Amino acid sequence: MIKAVIFDWGGVLIENPASELMAYCASYLGTTSQKFTTTYLKYEKLFQKNQIAENELWRVICAKLKVEVPKIKSLWGKAVKSVFRENKDVTAIALKLKESGYKIGFLSNTEIPTAKYFKKQSYNFFDVAVFSCFEGFVKPQQEIFEIILNKLKVKPEEAIFVDDRKEHVEGARRLGIQAILFKDAKHLMRDLKHLSIKLN
C-alpha cells in the first residue's frame, strides 16, 4: 500500500533550470555558457553535498576560466531567483495527493543558496523536505533515499518517487521504491493511476 509520494524539484516541480542557470552565471562572469558549464560540472556534486562553499567554488572556477571572482554575496542565489519557474500543473497534483491522504516528500540535489530560496517559497504542503546539501549525499546514492524514507516513516515499497533523470529513478528502484520517470503532468497522472493511486 502506497503511503507517500516523493517529488524531485528541478525538472519536476519547476521547469528544468540547468541550462538557464549555466547561461546566467556564464553571462555574469563574462564567459561562454559552454566553458562555464564544463568547468562547473567538475565541482557540481561537491557543491550539492556542501563539500565546497559557494565563495570557494567561484574562486576555483574563476581561476580556471581566468575571470574576476564575483563580488556579490551569492551569484548562485541570484541566478536561481532569476531562472526558477514553477510547474503549476505538477504542484496541483502534489496538492491533490496531499488532500487524498498521502504523505508528500521533497528530495533534491540542491546547493545551499538554492535550499535557502526554497525555504522562502510557499511549499508548506510537504511533510518532509530533504536537500543533498544538508545531508552530504546526492541522488542516486542509496543513503539519501533512506534518509527521506526514515523521515517520512515509510518503507521503500510504501513510497513512489518522481524524478526526471533516469539514473535517479533507477537508484530509487534499486532500494525497492516504485519510481516514475517524469515527462510532464499528463503522463504523471497516468503513471500514478497505473500504480493504483486514487485522488479525491
Protein backbone atom coordinates (compact mmCIF):
# COMPACT_ATOMS: atom_id res chain seq x y z
CA MET A 1 0.00 0.00 0.00
CA ILE A 2 1.43 3.36 -1.05
CA LYS A 3 1.62 5.89 1.76
CA ALA A 4 3.95 8.57 0.35
CA VAL A 5 4.86 10.24 -2.93
CA ILE A 6 8.28 11.91 -3.16
CA PHE A 7 8.98 14.65 -5.71
CA ASP A 8 12.17 15.91 -7.26
CA TRP A 9 12.42 19.68 -7.70
CA GLY A 10 14.32 20.76 -10.82
CA GLY A 11 12.65 19.34 -13.91
CA VAL A 12 9.55 18.20 -12.00
CA LEU A 13 8.09 20.77 -9.58
CA ILE A 14 9.85 23.51 -11.50
CA GLU A 15 10.92 23.71 -15.12
CA ASN A 16 14.43 22.30 -15.55
CA PRO A 17 16.67 25.28 -14.69
CA ALA A 18 20.06 23.78 -15.56
CA SER A 19 20.79 25.40 -18.92
CA GLU A 20 19.47 28.79 -17.84
CA LEU A 21 21.46 28.66 -14.61
CA MET A 22 24.63 27.95 -16.59
CA ALA A 23 23.87 30.72 -19.06
CA TYR A 24 23.10 33.26 -16.32
CA CYS A 25 26.32 32.56 -14.41
CA ALA A 26 28.40 32.48 -17.59
CA SER A 27 27.00 35.83 -18.71
CA TYR A 28 27.67 37.40 -15.31
CA LEU A 29 31.27 36.16 -15.37
CA GLY A 30 31.81 37.22 -18.98
CA THR A 31 32.49 33.78 -20.41
CA THR A 32 30.64 31.34 -22.66
CA SER A 33 27.98 29.00 -21.35
CA GLN A 34 29.91 26.02 -22.70
CA LYS A 35 33.16 26.96 -20.94
CA PHE A 36 31.37 27.71 -17.69
CA THR A 37 29.31 24.51 -17.76
CA THR A 38 32.33 22.31 -18.48
CA THR A 39 34.20 23.82 -15.52
CA TYR A 40 31.23 23.92 -13.14
CA LEU A 41 30.32 20.26 -13.65
CA LYS A 42 33.69 19.23 -12.21
CA TYR A 43 32.53 20.66 -8.86
CA GLU A 44 28.76 20.21 -9.04
CA LYS A 45 28.48 17.19 -6.73
CA LEU A 46 30.82 18.78 -4.17
CA PHE A 47 28.66 21.92 -4.22
CA GLN A 48 25.45 19.88 -3.87
CA LYS A 49 26.92 17.95 -0.91
CA ASN A 50 28.12 21.23 0.69
CA GLN A 51 31.69 19.95 0.50
CA ILE A 52 32.71 23.18 -1.18
CA ALA A 53 31.28 26.56 -0.13
CA GLU A 54 29.95 28.94 -2.76
CA ASN A 55 32.74 31.51 -2.32
CA GLU A 56 35.35 28.79 -2.73
CA LEU A 57 33.50 27.41 -5.77
CA TRP A 58 33.72 30.78 -7.50
CA ARG A 59 37.36 31.24 -6.54
CA VAL A 60 38.30 27.91 -8.13
CA ILE A 61 36.09 28.27 -11.21
CA CYS A 62 37.14 31.84 -11.91
CA ALA A 63 40.80 30.92 -11.58
CA LYS A 64 40.36 28.21 -14.20
CA LEU A 65 38.36 30.49 -16.51
CA LYS A 66 40.74 33.40 -15.89
CA VAL A 67 37.91 35.79 -14.99
CA GLU A 68 37.23 38.01 -11.99
CA VAL A 69 35.57 36.46 -8.92
CA PRO A 70 32.02 37.84 -8.48
CA LYS A 71 31.78 40.44 -5.72
CA ILE A 72 28.10 39.89 -4.92
CA LYS A 73 27.12 37.83 -1.88
CA SER A 74 25.65 34.91 -3.82
CA LEU A 75 25.78 34.75 -7.60
CA TRP A 76 24.18 31.30 -7.48
CA GLY A 77 21.30 32.59 -5.36
CA LYS A 78 20.81 35.50 -7.77
CA ALA A 79 20.75 33.09 -10.71
CA VAL A 80 18.27 30.77 -9.01
CA LYS A 81 15.90 33.62 -8.25
CA SER A 82 16.08 34.76 -11.86
CA VAL A 83 15.51 31.45 -13.69
CA PHE A 84 13.35 29.19 -11.48
CA ARG A 85 9.79 28.76 -12.80
CA GLU A 86 7.16 26.67 -11.05
CA ASN A 87 5.45 23.82 -12.90
CA LYS A 88 1.99 24.64 -11.59
CA ASP A 89 0.36 21.52 -13.02
CA VAL A 90 2.70 19.30 -11.01
CA THR A 91 2.24 21.39 -7.87
CA ALA A 92 -1.51 20.89 -8.30
CA ILE A 93 -1.00 17.11 -8.46
CA ALA A 94 1.10 17.19 -5.29
CA LEU A 95 -1.64 19.15 -3.51
CA LYS A 96 -4.29 16.66 -4.66
CA LEU A 97 -2.19 13.80 -3.34
CA LYS A 98 -1.88 15.59 -0.01
CA GLU A 99 -5.64 16.14 0.14
CA SER A 100 -6.16 12.45 -0.68
CA GLY A 101 -4.22 11.43 2.43
CA TYR A 102 -0.75 10.67 1.05
CA LYS A 103 2.42 11.95 2.68
CA ILE A 104 4.27 14.27 0.33
CA GLY A 105 8.06 14.32 0.26
CA PHE A 106 10.61 16.56 -1.46
CA LEU A 107 14.04 15.24 -2.42
CA SER A 108 16.55 17.34 -4.34
CA ASN A 109 20.21 17.52 -5.23
CA THR A 110 20.42 21.11 -4.10
CA GLU A 111 23.04 23.68 -3.14
CA ILE A 112 22.87 25.83 0.00
CA PRO A 113 21.77 29.03 -1.84
CA THR A 114 19.07 27.05 -3.66
CA ALA A 115 17.81 25.49 -0.43
CA LYS A 116 17.54 28.98 1.06
CA TYR A 117 15.46 30.04 -1.94
CA PHE A 118 13.18 27.01 -1.47
CA LYS A 119 12.51 27.94 2.14
CA LYS A 120 11.23 31.34 1.03
CA GLN A 121 8.62 29.76 -1.25
CA SER A 122 5.12 28.66 -0.29
CA TYR A 123 5.89 24.94 -0.25
CA ASN A 124 4.22 24.31 3.11
CA PHE A 125 2.37 21.23 1.87
CA PHE A 126 5.44 18.99 2.04
CA ASP A 127 5.57 16.67 5.03
CA VAL A 128 9.32 16.25 4.63
CA ALA A 129 11.92 18.11 2.55
CA VAL A 130 15.39 16.61 2.09
CA PHE A 131 18.25 18.55 0.49
CA SER A 132 21.53 16.96 -0.54
CA CYS A 133 23.49 19.96 0.77
CA PHE A 134 22.26 19.30 4.33
CA GLU A 135 22.73 15.52 4.19
CA GLY A 136 26.09 15.07 2.43
CA PHE A 137 24.66 12.61 -0.09
CA VAL A 138 23.23 13.10 -3.58
CA LYS A 139 20.85 11.11 -5.71
CA PRO A 140 21.23 8.36 -6.82
CA GLN A 141 23.18 7.41 -3.67
CA GLN A 142 21.16 4.94 -1.60
CA GLU A 143 21.74 6.87 1.61
CA ILE A 144 19.73 9.92 0.58
CA PHE A 145 16.72 7.77 -0.32
CA GLU A 146 16.99 6.03 3.05
CA ILE A 147 17.07 9.42 4.79
CA ILE A 148 13.80 10.60 3.29
CA LEU A 149 12.09 7.23 3.85
CA ASN A 150 13.08 7.36 7.51
CA LYS A 151 11.82 10.94 7.87
CA LEU A 152 8.54 10.04 6.19
CA LYS A 153 8.36 6.87 8.34
CA VAL A 154 7.56 4.64 5.38
CA LYS A 155 9.11 1.51 3.89
CA PRO A 156 10.55 1.54 0.35
CA GLU A 157 7.59 -0.39 -1.04
CA GLU A 158 5.22 2.18 0.51
CA ALA A 159 6.69 5.08 -1.49
CA ILE A 160 6.64 6.41 -5.03
CA PHE A 161 9.47 8.63 -6.26
CA VAL A 162 9.10 11.06 -9.19
CA ASP A 163 12.20 12.37 -10.97
CA ASP A 164 13.11 13.49 -14.48
CA ARG A 165 16.52 11.79 -14.52
CA LYS A 166 16.75 8.12 -15.37
CA GLU A 167 19.74 7.44 -13.11
CA HIS A 168 17.86 8.83 -10.09
CA VAL A 169 14.78 6.75 -10.89
CA GLU A 170 16.94 3.65 -11.19
CA GLY A 171 18.65 4.48 -7.88
CA ALA A 172 15.27 4.59 -6.13
CA ARG A 173 14.17 1.34 -7.73
CA ARG A 174 17.32 -0.45 -6.53
CA LEU A 175 16.15 0.28 -3.00
CA GLY A 176 12.67 -1.08 -3.69
CA ILE A 177 10.90 2.24 -4.20
CA GLN A 178 8.41 2.43 -7.05
CA ALA A 179 9.67 5.22 -9.26
CA ILE A 180 8.28 7.27 -12.14
CA LEU A 181 10.44 8.86 -14.83
CA PHE A 182 8.79 12.26 -15.20
CA LYS A 183 7.88 13.60 -18.65
CA ASP A 184 5.02 16.01 -17.99
CA ALA A 185 1.98 16.42 -15.73
CA LYS A 186 -0.32 14.46 -18.06
CA HIS A 187 1.97 11.42 -18.10
CA LEU A 188 2.48 11.71 -14.34
CA MET A 189 -1.26 11.46 -13.70
CA ARG A 190 -1.44 8.41 -15.96
CA ASP A 191 1.53 6.74 -14.25
CA LEU A 192 0.09 7.41 -10.77
CA LYS A 193 -3.21 5.81 -11.81
CA HIS A 194 -1.33 2.79 -13.13
CA LEU A 195 0.14 2.43 -9.63
CA SER A 196 -3.38 2.50 -8.17
CA ILE A 197 -3.06 5.99 -6.71
CA LYS A 198 -6.50 7.48 -6.10
CA LEU A 199 -7.05 11.21 -5.93
CA ASN A 200 -10.07 12.90 -4.33
